[in-house]
Amino acid sequence: MLLVTGVLAALVERSVSGRGQVIDAAMVDGASLLMQPVWGMFGAGF
């Protein structure tokens, strides 16, 4: 799902710039992003 998000975002940006780009989608990044609500509660002491 992180890879799909990156692909769709790059296609939108390409419609403006006319240029492609490389998407580095890593599962450690994506799993951490999914954990952001927990990181938020952890940081707030909850």
ModelCIF file with pLDDT and N, C-alpha, C, O atoms, coordinates in Angstrom:
data_MODEL
#
_entry.id   MODEL 
#
_entity.id                         1 
_entity.type                       polymer 
_entity.pdbx_number_of_molecules   1 
#
_entity_poly.entity_id                      1 
_entity_poly.type                           'polypeptide(L)' 
_entity_poly.nstd_linkage                   no 
_entity_poly.nstd_monomer                   no 
_entity_poly.pdbx_seq_one_letter_code       MLLVTGVLAALVERSVSGRGQVIDAAMVDGASLLMQPVWGMFGAGF 
_entity_poly.pdbx_seq_one_letter_code_can   MLLVTGVLAALVERSVSGRGQVIDAAMVDGASLLMQPVWGMFGAGF 
_entity_poly.pdbx_strand_id                 A 
#
loop_
_entity_poly_seq.entity_id 
_entity_poly_seq.num 
_entity_poly_seq.mon_id 
_entity_poly_seq.hetero 
1 1  MET n 
1 2  LEU n 
1 3  LEU n 
1 4  VAL n 
1 5  THR n 
1 6  GLY n 
1 7  VAL n 
1 8  LEU n 
1 9  ALA n 
1 10 ALA n 
1 11 LEU n 
1 12 VAL n 
1 13 GLU n 
1 14 ARG n 
1 15 SER n 
1 16 VAL n 
1 17 SER n 
1 18 GLY n 
1 19 ARG n 
1 20 GLY n 
1 21 GLN n 
1 22 VAL n 
1 23 ILE n 
1 24 ASP n 
1 25 ALA n 
1 26 ALA n 
1 27 MET n 
1 28 VAL n 
1 29 ASP n 
1 30 GLY n 
1 31 ALA n 
1 32 SER n 
1 33 LEU n 
1 34 LEU n 
1 35 MET n 
1 36 GLN n 
1 37 PRO n 
1 38 VAL n 
1 39 TRP n 
1 40 GLY n 
1 41 MET n 
1 42 PHE n 
1 43 GLY n 
1 44 ALA n 
1 45 GLY n 
1 46 PHE n 
#
_struct_asym.id          A 
_struct_asym.entity_id   1 
#
loop_
_ma_qa_metric.id 
_ma_qa_metric.mode 
_ma_qa_metric.name 
_ma_qa_metric.software_group_id 
_ma_qa_metric.type 
1 global pLDDT . pLDDT 
2 local  pLDDT . pLDDT 
#
_ma_qa_metric_global.metric_id      1 
_ma_qa_metric_global.metric_value   97.80 
_ma_qa_metric_global.model_id       1 
_ma_qa_metric_global.ordinal_id     1 
#
loop_
_ma_qa_metric_local.label_asym_id 
_ma_qa_metric_local.label_comp_id 
_ma_qa_metric_local.label_seq_id 
_ma_qa_metric_local.metric_id 
_ma_qa_metric_local.metric_value 
_ma_qa_metric_local.model_id 
_ma_qa_metric_local.ordinal_id 
A MET 1  2 98.00 1 1  
A LEU 2  2 98.00 1 2  
A LEU 3  2 98.00 1 3  
A VAL 4  2 98.00 1 4  
A THR 5  2 98.00 1 5  
A GLY 6  2 98.00 1 6  
A VAL 7  2 98.00 1 7  
A LEU 8  2 98.00 1 8  
A ALA 9  2 98.00 1 9  
A ALA 10 2 98.00 1 10 
A LEU 11 2 98.00 1 11 
A VAL 12 2 98.00 1 12 
A GLU 13 2 98.00 1 13 
A ARG 14 2 98.00 1 14 
A SER 15 2 97.00 1 15 
A VAL 16 2 97.00 1 16 
A SER 17 2 98.00 1 17 
A GLY 18 2 97.00 1 18 
A ARG 19 2 98.00 1 19 
A GLY 20 2 98.00 1 20 
A GLN 21 2 98.00 1 21 
A VAL 22 2 98.00 1 22 
A ILE 23 2 98.00 1 23 
A ASP 24 2 98.00 1 24 
A ALA 25 2 98.00 1 25 
A ALA 26 2 98.00 1 26 
A MET 27 2 98.00 1 27 
A VAL 28 2 98.00 1 28 
A ASP 29 2 98.00 1 29 
A GLY 30 2 98.00 1 30 
A ALA 31 2 98.00 1 31 
A SER 32 2 98.00 1 32 
A LEU 33 2 98.00 1 33 
A LEU 34 2 98.00 1 34 
A MET 35 2 98.00 1 35 
A GLN 36 2 98.00 1 36 
A PRO 37 2 98.00 1 37 
A VAL 38 2 98.00 1 38 
A TRP 39 2 98.00 1 39 
A GLY 40 2 98.00 1 40 
A MET 41 2 98.00 1 41 
A PHE 42 2 98.00 1 42 
A GLY 43 2 97.00 1 43 
A ALA 44 2 98.00 1 44 
A GLY 45 2 96.00 1 45 
A PHE 46 2 95.00 1 46 
#
loop_
_atom_site.group_PDB 
_atom_site.id 
_atom_site.type_symbol 
_atom_site.label_atom_id 
_atom_site.label_alt_id 
_atom_site.label_comp_id 
_atom_site.label_asym_id 
_atom_site.label_entity_id 
_atom_site.label_seq_id 
_atom_site.pdbx_PDB_ins_code 
_atom_site.Cartn_x 
_atom_site.Cartn_y 
_atom_site.Cartn_z 
_atom_site.occupancy 
_atom_site.B_iso_or_equiv 
_atom_site.pdbx_formal_charge 
_atom_site.auth_seq_id 
_atom_site.auth_comp_id 
_atom_site.auth_asym_id 
_atom_site.auth_atom_id 
_atom_site.pdbx_PDB_model_num 
ATOM 1   N N  . MET A 1 1  ? 0.824  -1.210 0.000   1.00 98.00 ? 1  MET A N  1 
ATOM 2   C CA . MET A 1 1  ? 0.000  0.000  0.000   1.00 98.00 ? 1  MET A CA 1 
ATOM 3   C C  . MET A 1 1  ? 0.860  1.262  0.000   1.00 98.00 ? 1  MET A C  1 
ATOM 4   O O  . MET A 1 1  ? 0.464  2.285  -0.560  1.00 98.00 ? 1  MET A O  1 
ATOM 5   N N  . LEU A 1 2  ? 2.045  1.192  0.633   1.00 98.00 ? 2  LEU A N  1 
ATOM 6   C CA . LEU A 1 2  ? 2.976  2.323  0.557   1.00 98.00 ? 2  LEU A CA 1 
ATOM 7   C C  . LEU A 1 2  ? 3.492  2.484  -0.867  1.00 98.00 ? 2  LEU A C  1 
ATOM 8   O O  . LEU A 1 2  ? 3.635  3.604  -1.357  1.00 98.00 ? 2  LEU A O  1 
ATOM 9   N N  . LEU A 1 3  ? 3.772  1.363  -1.530  1.00 98.00 ? 3  LEU A N  1 
ATOM 10  C CA . LEU A 1 3  ? 4.245  1.410  -2.917  1.00 98.00 ? 3  LEU A CA 1 
ATOM 11  C C  . LEU A 1 3  ? 3.172  1.993  -3.833  1.00 98.00 ? 3  LEU A C  1 
ATOM 12  O O  . LEU A 1 3  ? 3.465  2.835  -4.682  1.00 98.00 ? 3  LEU A O  1 
ATOM 13  N N  . VAL A 1 4  ? 1.928  1.543  -3.659  1.00 98.00 ? 4  VAL A N  1 
ATOM 14  C CA . VAL A 1 4  ? 0.835  2.082  -4.472  1.00 98.00 ? 4  VAL A CA 1 
ATOM 15  C C  . VAL A 1 4  ? 0.675  3.579  -4.237  1.00 98.00 ? 4  VAL A C  1 
ATOM 16  O O  . VAL A 1 4  ? 0.488  4.340  -5.186  1.00 98.00 ? 4  VAL A O  1 
ATOM 17  N N  . THR A 1 5  ? 0.748  4.005  -2.981  1.00 98.00 ? 5  THR A N  1 
ATOM 18  C CA . THR A 1 5  ? 0.645  5.434  -2.671  1.00 98.00 ? 5  THR A CA 1 
ATOM 19  C C  . THR A 1 5  ? 1.748  6.217  -3.380  1.00 98.00 ? 5  THR A C  1 
ATOM 20  O O  . THR A 1 5  ? 1.498  7.284  -3.941  1.00 98.00 ? 5  THR A O  1 
ATOM 21  N N  . GLY A 1 6  ? 2.959  5.686  -3.351  1.00 98.00 ? 6  GLY A N  1 
ATOM 22  C CA . GLY A 1 6  ? 4.072  6.361  -4.008  1.00 98.00 ? 6  GLY A CA 1 
ATOM 23  C C  . GLY A 1 6  ? 3.890  6.451  -5.511  1.00 98.00 ? 6  GLY A C  1 
ATOM 24  O O  . GLY A 1 6  ? 4.169  7.486  -6.116  1.00 98.00 ? 6  GLY A O  1 
ATOM 25  N N  . VAL A 1 7  ? 3.419  5.357  -6.119  1.00 98.00 ? 7  VAL A N  1 
ATOM 26  C CA . VAL A 1 7  ? 3.188  5.352  -7.562  1.00 98.00 ? 7  VAL A CA 1 
ATOM 27  C C  . VAL A 1 7  ? 2.139  6.397  -7.944  1.00 98.00 ? 7  VAL A C  1 
ATOM 28  O O  . VAL A 1 7  ? 2.337  7.169  -8.882  1.00 98.00 ? 7  VAL A O  1 
ATOM 29  N N  . LEU A 1 8  ? 1.033  6.414  -7.219  1.00 98.00 ? 8  LEU A N  1 
ATOM 30  C CA . LEU A 1 8  ? -0.038 7.361  -7.545  1.00 98.00 ? 8  LEU A CA 1 
ATOM 31  C C  . LEU A 1 8  ? 0.428  8.806  -7.355  1.00 98.00 ? 8  LEU A C  1 
ATOM 32  O O  . LEU A 1 8  ? 0.115  9.675  -8.168  1.00 98.00 ? 8  LEU A O  1 
ATOM 33  N N  . ALA A 1 9  ? 1.179  9.057  -6.274  1.00 98.00 ? 9  ALA A N  1 
ATOM 34  C CA . ALA A 1 9  ? 1.678  10.412 -6.043  1.00 98.00 ? 9  ALA A CA 1 
ATOM 35  C C  . ALA A 1 9  ? 2.643  10.832 -7.155  1.00 98.00 ? 9  ALA A C  1 
ATOM 36  O O  . ALA A 1 9  ? 2.606  11.976 -7.608  1.00 98.00 ? 9  ALA A O  1 
ATOM 37  N N  . ALA A 1 10 ? 3.503  9.910  -7.595  1.00 98.00 ? 10 ALA A N  1 
ATOM 38  C CA . ALA A 1 10 ? 4.460  10.229 -8.651  1.00 98.00 ? 10 ALA A CA 1 
ATOM 39  C C  . ALA A 1 10 ? 3.755  10.480 -9.981  1.00 98.00 ? 10 ALA A C  1 
ATOM 40  O O  . ALA A 1 10 ? 4.188  11.331 -10.758 1.00 98.00 ? 10 ALA A O  1 
ATOM 41  N N  . LEU A 1 11 ? 2.673  9.749  -10.249 1.00 98.00 ? 11 LEU A N  1 
ATOM 42  C CA . LEU A 1 11 ? 1.918  9.988  -11.479 1.00 98.00 ? 11 LEU A CA 1 
ATOM 43  C C  . LEU A 1 11 ? 1.253  11.369 -11.458 1.00 98.00 ? 11 LEU A C  1 
ATOM 44  O O  . LEU A 1 11 ? 1.218  12.063 -12.475 1.00 98.00 ? 11 LEU A O  1 
ATOM 45  N N  . VAL A 1 12 ? 0.728  11.760 -10.298 1.00 98.00 ? 12 VAL A N  1 
ATOM 46  C CA . VAL A 1 12 ? 0.139  13.095 -10.184 1.00 98.00 ? 12 VAL A CA 1 
ATOM 47  C C  . VAL A 1 12 ? 1.207  14.165 -10.414 1.00 98.00 ? 12 VAL A C  1 
ATOM 48  O O  . VAL A 1 12 ? 0.981  15.119 -11.157 1.00 98.00 ? 12 VAL A O  1 
ATOM 49  N N  . GLU A 1 13 ? 2.376  14.004 -9.774  1.00 98.00 ? 13 GLU A N  1 
ATOM 50  C CA . GLU A 1 13 ? 3.443  14.992 -9.918  1.00 98.00 ? 13 GLU A CA 1 
ATOM 51  C C  . GLU A 1 13 ? 3.945  15.035 -11.357 1.00 98.00 ? 13 GLU A C  1 
ATOM 52  O O  . GLU A 1 13 ? 4.292  16.102 -11.863 1.00 98.00 ? 13 GLU A O  1 
ATOM 53  N N  . ARG A 1 14 ? 3.984  13.882 -12.015 1.00 98.00 ? 14 ARG A N  1 
ATOM 54  C CA . ARG A 1 14 ? 4.454  13.832 -13.397 1.00 98.00 ? 14 ARG A CA 1 
ATOM 55  C C  . ARG A 1 14 ? 3.534  14.620 -14.334 1.00 98.00 ? 14 ARG A C  1 
ATOM 56  O O  . ARG A 1 14 ? 3.984  15.184 -15.331 1.00 98.00 ? 14 ARG A O  1 
ATOM 57  N N  . SER A 1 15 ? 2.245  14.649 -14.001 1.00 97.00 ? 15 SER A N  1 
ATOM 58  C CA . SER A 1 15 ? 1.308  15.398 -14.844 1.00 97.00 ? 15 SER A CA 1 
ATOM 59  C C  . SER A 1 15 ? 1.617  16.890 -14.824 1.00 97.00 ? 15 SER A C  1 
ATOM 60  O O  . SER A 1 15 ? 1.174  17.626 -15.706 1.00 97.00 ? 15 SER A O  1 
ATOM 61  N N  . VAL A 1 16 ? 2.372  17.344 -13.825 1.00 97.00 ? 16 VAL A N  1 
ATOM 62  C CA . VAL A 1 16 ? 2.767  18.755 -13.726 1.00 97.00 ? 16 VAL A CA 1 
ATOM 63  C C  . VAL A 1 16 ? 4.172  18.966 -14.290 1.00 97.00 ? 16 VAL A C  1 
ATOM 64  O O  . VAL A 1 16 ? 4.401  19.878 -15.084 1.00 97.00 ? 16 VAL A O  1 
ATOM 65  N N  . SER A 1 17 ? 5.115  18.106 -13.869 1.00 98.00 ? 17 SER A N  1 
ATOM 66  C CA . SER A 1 17 ? 6.520  18.307 -14.249 1.00 98.00 ? 17 SER A CA 1 
ATOM 67  C C  . SER A 1 17 ? 6.887  17.650 -15.571 1.00 98.00 ? 17 SER A C  1 
ATOM 68  O O  . SER A 1 17 ? 7.842  18.064 -16.228 1.00 98.00 ? 17 SER A O  1 
ATOM 69  N N  . GLY A 1 18 ? 6.123  16.615 -15.968 1.00 97.00 ? 18 GLY A N  1 
ATOM 70  C CA . GLY A 1 18 ? 6.478  15.867 -17.169 1.00 97.00 ? 18 GLY A CA 1 
ATOM 71  C C  . GLY A 1 18 ? 7.599  14.877 -16.954 1.00 97.00 ? 18 GLY A C  1 
ATOM 72  O O  . GLY A 1 18 ? 8.072  14.267 -17.913 1.00 97.00 ? 18 GLY A O  1 
ATOM 73  N N  . ARG A 1 19 ? 8.041  14.699 -15.711 1.00 98.00 ? 19 ARG A N  1 
ATOM 74  C CA . ARG A 1 19 ? 9.180  13.827 -15.424 1.00 98.00 ? 19 ARG A CA 1 
ATOM 75  C C  . ARG A 1 19 ? 8.777  12.723 -14.443 1.00 98.00 ? 19 ARG A C  1 
ATOM 76  O O  . ARG A 1 19 ? 7.970  12.939 -13.539 1.00 98.00 ? 19 ARG A O  1 
ATOM 77  N N  . GLY A 1 20 ? 9.349  11.552 -14.639 1.00 98.00 ? 20 GLY A N  1 
ATOM 78  C CA . GLY A 1 20 ? 9.158  10.461 -13.697 1.00 98.00 ? 20 GLY A CA 1 
ATOM 79  C C  . GLY A 1 20 ? 10.128 10.570 -12.538 1.00 98.00 ? 20 GLY A C  1 
ATOM 80  O O  . GLY A 1 20 ? 10.908 11.518 -12.451 1.00 98.00 ? 20 GLY A O  1 
ATOM 81  N N  . GLN A 1 21 ? 10.072 9.594  -11.649 1.00 98.00 ? 21 GLN A N  1 
ATOM 82  C CA . GLN A 1 21 ? 11.018 9.543  -10.539 1.00 98.00 ? 21 GLN A CA 1 
ATOM 83  C C  . GLN A 1 21 ? 11.031 8.138  -9.943  1.00 98.00 ? 21 GLN A C  1 
ATOM 84  O O  . GLN A 1 21 ? 10.210 7.288  -10.289 1.00 98.00 ? 21 GLN A O  1 
ATOM 85  N N  . VAL A 1 22 ? 11.985 7.918  -9.039  1.00 98.00 ? 22 VAL A N  1 
ATOM 86  C CA . VAL A 1 22 ? 12.166 6.625  -8.404  1.00 98.00 ? 22 VAL A CA 1 
ATOM 87  C C  . VAL A 1 22 ? 11.513 6.647  -7.025  1.00 98.00 ? 22 VAL A C  1 
ATOM 88  O O  . VAL A 1 22 ? 11.665 7.607  -6.269  1.00 98.00 ? 22 VAL A O  1 
ATOM 89  N N  . ILE A 1 23 ? 10.788 5.584  -6.710  1.00 98.00 ? 23 ILE A N  1 
ATOM 90  C CA . ILE A 1 23 ? 10.126 5.461  -5.415  1.00 98.00 ? 23 ILE A CA 1 
ATOM 91  C C  . ILE A 1 23 ? 10.828 4.366  -4.620  1.00 98.00 ? 23 ILE A C  1 
ATOM 92  O O  . ILE A 1 23 ? 10.858 3.208  -5.036  1.00 98.00 ? 23 ILE A O  1 
ATOM 93  N N  . ASP A 1 24 ? 11.386 4.734  -3.489  1.00 98.00 ? 24 ASP A N  1 
ATOM 94  C CA . ASP A 1 24 ? 12.043 3.797  -2.571  1.00 98.00 ? 24 ASP A CA 1 
ATOM 95  C C  . ASP A 1 24 ? 11.040 3.459  -1.476  1.00 98.00 ? 24 ASP A C  1 
ATOM 96  O O  . ASP A 1 24 ? 10.962 4.152  -0.461  1.00 98.00 ? 24 ASP A O  1 
ATOM 97  N N  . ALA A 1 25 ? 10.276 2.396  -1.685  1.00 98.00 ? 25 ALA A N  1 
ATOM 98  C CA . ALA A 1 25 ? 9.269  1.964  -0.707  1.00 98.00 ? 25 ALA A CA 1 
ATOM 99  C C  . ALA A 1 25 ? 9.851  0.818  0.114   1.00 98.00 ? 25 ALA A C  1 
ATOM 100 O O  . ALA A 1 25 ? 10.172 -0.240 -0.429  1.00 98.00 ? 25 ALA A O  1 
ATOM 101 N N  . ALA A 1 26 ? 9.983  1.027  1.401   1.00 98.00 ? 26 ALA A N  1 
ATOM 102 C CA . ALA A 1 26 ? 10.564 0.023  2.294   1.00 98.00 ? 26 ALA A CA 1 
ATOM 103 C C  . ALA A 1 26 ? 9.539  -0.373 3.346   1.00 98.00 ? 26 ALA A C  1 
ATOM 104 O O  . ALA A 1 26 ? 8.822  0.476  3.875   1.00 98.00 ? 26 ALA A O  1 
ATOM 105 N N  . MET A 1 27 ? 9.473  -1.662 3.645   1.00 98.00 ? 27 MET A N  1 
ATOM 106 C CA . MET A 1 27 ? 8.498  -2.136 4.623   1.00 98.00 ? 27 MET A CA 1 
ATOM 107 C C  . MET A 1 27 ? 8.787  -1.601 6.021   1.00 98.00 ? 27 MET A C  1 
ATOM 108 O O  . MET A 1 27 ? 7.858  -1.397 6.802   1.00 98.00 ? 27 MET A O  1 
ATOM 109 N N  . VAL A 1 28 ? 10.053 -1.370 6.351   1.00 98.00 ? 28 VAL A N  1 
ATOM 110 C CA . VAL A 1 28 ? 10.343 -0.772 7.660   1.00 98.00 ? 28 VAL A CA 1 
ATOM 111 C C  . VAL A 1 28 ? 9.782  0.648  7.744   1.00 98.00 ? 28 VAL A C  1 
ATOM 112 O O  . VAL A 1 28 ? 9.332  1.083  8.804   1.00 98.00 ? 28 VAL A O  1 
ATOM 113 N N  . ASP A 1 29 ? 9.813  1.367  6.618   1.00 98.00 ? 29 ASP A N  1 
ATOM 114 C CA . ASP A 1 29 ? 9.245  2.712  6.598   1.00 98.00 ? 29 ASP A CA 1 
ATOM 115 C C  . ASP A 1 29 ? 7.724  2.654  6.693   1.00 98.00 ? 29 ASP A C  1 
ATOM 116 O O  . ASP A 1 29 ? 7.110  3.388  7.467   1.00 98.00 ? 29 ASP A O  1 
ATOM 117 N N  . GLY A 1 30 ? 7.127  1.771  5.897   1.00 98.00 ? 30 GLY A N  1 
ATOM 118 C CA . GLY A 1 30 ? 5.674  1.683  5.862   1.00 98.00 ? 30 GLY A CA 1 
ATOM 119 C C  . GLY A 1 30 ? 5.081  1.206  7.172   1.00 98.00 ? 30 GLY A C  1 
ATOM 120 O O  . GLY A 1 30 ? 4.079  1.750  7.637   1.00 98.00 ? 30 GLY A O  1 
ATOM 121 N N  . ALA A 1 31 ? 5.698  0.180  7.778   1.00 98.00 ? 31 ALA A N  1 
ATOM 122 C CA . ALA A 1 31 ? 5.209  -0.304 9.068   1.00 98.00 ? 31 ALA A CA 1 
ATOM 123 C C  . ALA A 1 31 ? 5.339  0.781  10.128  1.00 98.00 ? 31 ALA A C  1 
ATOM 124 O O  . ALA A 1 31 ? 4.469  0.920  10.987  1.00 98.00 ? 31 ALA A O  1 
ATOM 125 N N  . SER A 1 32 ? 6.425  1.552  10.072  1.00 98.00 ? 32 SER A N  1 
ATOM 126 C CA . SER A 1 32 ? 6.601  2.654  11.020  1.00 98.00 ? 32 SER A CA 1 
ATOM 127 C C  . SER A 1 32 ? 5.543  3.719  10.805  1.00 98.00 ? 32 SER A C  1 
ATOM 128 O O  . SER A 1 32 ? 5.031  4.294  11.766  1.00 98.00 ? 32 SER A O  1 
ATOM 129 N N  . LEU A 1 33 ? 5.212  3.986  9.546   1.00 98.00 ? 33 LEU A N  1 
ATOM 130 C CA . LEU A 1 33 ? 4.173  4.964  9.251   1.00 98.00 ? 33 LEU A CA 1 
ATOM 131 C C  . LEU A 1 33 ? 2.822  4.502  9.793   1.00 98.00 ? 33 LEU A C  1 
ATOM 132 O O  . LEU A 1 33 ? 2.057  5.303  10.329  1.00 98.00 ? 33 LEU A O  1 
ATOM 133 N N  . LEU A 1 34 ? 2.530  3.196  9.652   1.00 98.00 ? 34 LEU A N  1 
ATOM 134 C CA . LEU A 1 34 ? 1.297  2.656  10.229  1.00 98.00 ? 34 LEU A CA 1 
ATOM 135 C C  . LEU A 1 34 ? 1.282  2.787  11.748  1.00 98.00 ? 34 LEU A C  1 
ATOM 136 O O  . LEU A 1 34 ? 0.219  2.906  12.356  1.00 98.00 ? 34 LEU A O  1 
ATOM 137 N N  . MET A 1 35 ? 2.447  2.764  12.348  1.00 98.00 ? 35 MET A N  1 
ATOM 138 C CA . MET A 1 35 ? 2.562  2.853  13.804  1.00 98.00 ? 35 MET A CA 1 
ATOM 139 C C  . MET A 1 35 ? 2.528  4.287  14.320  1.00 98.00 ? 35 MET A C  1 
ATOM 140 O O  . MET A 1 35 ? 2.601  4.498  15.530  1.00 98.00 ? 35 MET A O  1 
ATOM 141 N N  . GLN A 1 36 ? 2.418  5.282  13.433  1.00 98.00 ? 36 GLN A N  1 
ATOM 142 C CA . GLN A 1 36 ? 2.484  6.664  13.889  1.00 98.00 ? 36 GLN A CA 1 
ATOM 143 C C  . GLN A 1 36 ? 1.434  7.011  14.952  1.00 98.00 ? 36 GLN A C  1 
ATOM 144 O O  . GLN A 1 36 ? 1.765  7.746  15.883  1.00 98.00 ? 36 GLN A O  1 
ATOM 145 N N  . PRO A 1 37 ? 0.181  6.522  14.870  1.00 98.00 ? 37 PRO A N  1 
ATOM 146 C CA . PRO A 1 37 ? -0.750 6.809  15.970  1.00 98.00 ? 37 PRO A CA 1 
ATOM 147 C C  . PRO A 1 37 ? -0.244 6.295  17.321  1.00 98.00 ? 37 PRO A C  1 
ATOM 148 O O  . PRO A 1 37 ? -0.426 6.949  18.348  1.00 98.00 ? 37 PRO A O  1 
ATOM 149 N N  . VAL A 1 38 ? 0.393  5.115  17.312  1.00 98.00 ? 38 VAL A N  1 
ATOM 150 C CA . VAL A 1 38 ? 0.949  4.579  18.558  1.00 98.00 ? 38 VAL A CA 1 
ATOM 151 C C  . VAL A 1 38 ? 2.138  5.415  19.006  1.00 98.00 ? 38 VAL A C  1 
ATOM 152 O O  . VAL A 1 38 ? 2.276  5.715  20.192  1.00 98.00 ? 38 VAL A O  1 
ATOM 153 N N  . TRP A 1 39 ? 3.007  5.796  18.056  1.00 98.00 ? 39 TRP A N  1 
ATOM 154 C CA . TRP A 1 39 ? 4.134  6.668  18.412  1.00 98.00 ? 39 TRP A CA 1 
ATOM 155 C C  . TRP A 1 39 ? 3.618  7.985  19.009  1.00 98.00 ? 39 TRP A C  1 
ATOM 156 O O  . TRP A 1 39 ? 4.202  8.522  19.950  1.00 98.00 ? 39 TRP A O  1 
ATOM 157 N N  . GLY A 1 40 ? 2.517  8.495  18.449  1.00 98.00 ? 40 GLY A N  1 
ATOM 158 C CA . GLY A 1 40 ? 1.964  9.731  18.973  1.00 98.00 ? 40 GLY A CA 1 
ATOM 159 C C  . GLY A 1 40 ? 1.497  9.585  20.408  1.00 98.00 ? 40 GLY A C  1 
ATOM 160 O O  . GLY A 1 40 ? 1.779  10.437 21.251  1.00 98.00 ? 40 GLY A O  1 
ATOM 161 N N  . MET A 1 41 ? 0.772  8.488  20.688  1.00 98.00 ? 41 MET A N  1 
ATOM 162 C CA . MET A 1 41 ? 0.302  8.257  22.059  1.00 98.00 ? 41 MET A CA 1 
ATOM 163 C C  . MET A 1 41 ? 1.465  7.970  22.996  1.00 98.00 ? 41 MET A C  1 
ATOM 164 O O  . MET A 1 41 ? 1.455  8.381  24.157  1.00 98.00 ? 41 MET A O  1 
ATOM 165 N N  . PHE A 1 42 ? 2.478  7.254  22.481  1.00 98.00 ? 42 PHE A N  1 
ATOM 166 C CA . PHE A 1 42 ? 3.661  6.959  23.298  1.00 98.00 ? 42 PHE A CA 1 
ATOM 167 C C  . PHE A 1 42 ? 4.379  8.248  23.671  1.00 98.00 ? 42 PHE A C  1 
ATOM 168 O O  . PHE A 1 42 ? 4.786  8.432  24.818  1.00 98.00 ? 42 PHE A O  1 
ATOM 169 N N  . GLY A 1 43 ? 4.532  9.139  22.696  1.00 97.00 ? 43 GLY A N  1 
ATOM 170 C CA . GLY A 1 43 ? 5.214  10.404 22.958  1.00 97.00 ? 43 GLY A CA 1 
ATOM 171 C C  . GLY A 1 43 ? 4.445  11.305 23.912  1.00 97.00 ? 43 GLY A C  1 
ATOM 172 O O  . GLY A 1 43 ? 5.034  12.102 24.642  1.00 97.00 ? 43 GLY A O  1 
ATOM 173 N N  . ALA A 1 44 ? 3.112  11.167 23.898  1.00 98.00 ? 44 ALA A N  1 
ATOM 174 C CA . ALA A 1 44 ? 2.286  11.994 24.782  1.00 98.00 ? 44 ALA A CA 1 
ATOM 175 C C  . ALA A 1 44 ? 2.096  11.368 26.157  1.00 98.00 ? 44 ALA A C  1 
ATOM 176 O O  . ALA A 1 44 ? 1.438  11.947 27.021  1.00 98.00 ? 44 ALA A O  1 
ATOM 177 N N  . GLY A 1 45 ? 2.677  10.180 26.361  1.00 96.00 ? 45 GLY A N  1 
ATOM 178 C CA . GLY A 1 45 ? 2.570  9.521  27.659  1.00 96.00 ? 45 GLY A CA 1 
ATOM 179 C C  . GLY A 1 45 ? 1.310  8.704  27.846  1.00 96.00 ? 45 GLY A C  1 
ATOM 180 O O  . GLY A 1 45 ? 0.995  8.302  28.966  1.00 96.00 ? 45 GLY A O  1 
ATOM 181 N N  . PHE A 1 46 ? 0.570  8.448  26.751  1.00 95.00 ? 46 PHE A N  1 
ATOM 182 C CA . PHE A 1 46 ? -0.677 7.695  26.852  1.00 95.00 ? 46 PHE A CA 1 
ATOM 183 C C  . PHE A 1 46 ? -0.508 6.213  26.508  1.00 95.00 ? 46 PHE A C  1 
ATOM 184 O O  . PHE A 1 46 ? -1.477 5.455  26.551  1.00 95.00 ? 46 PHE A O  1 
#
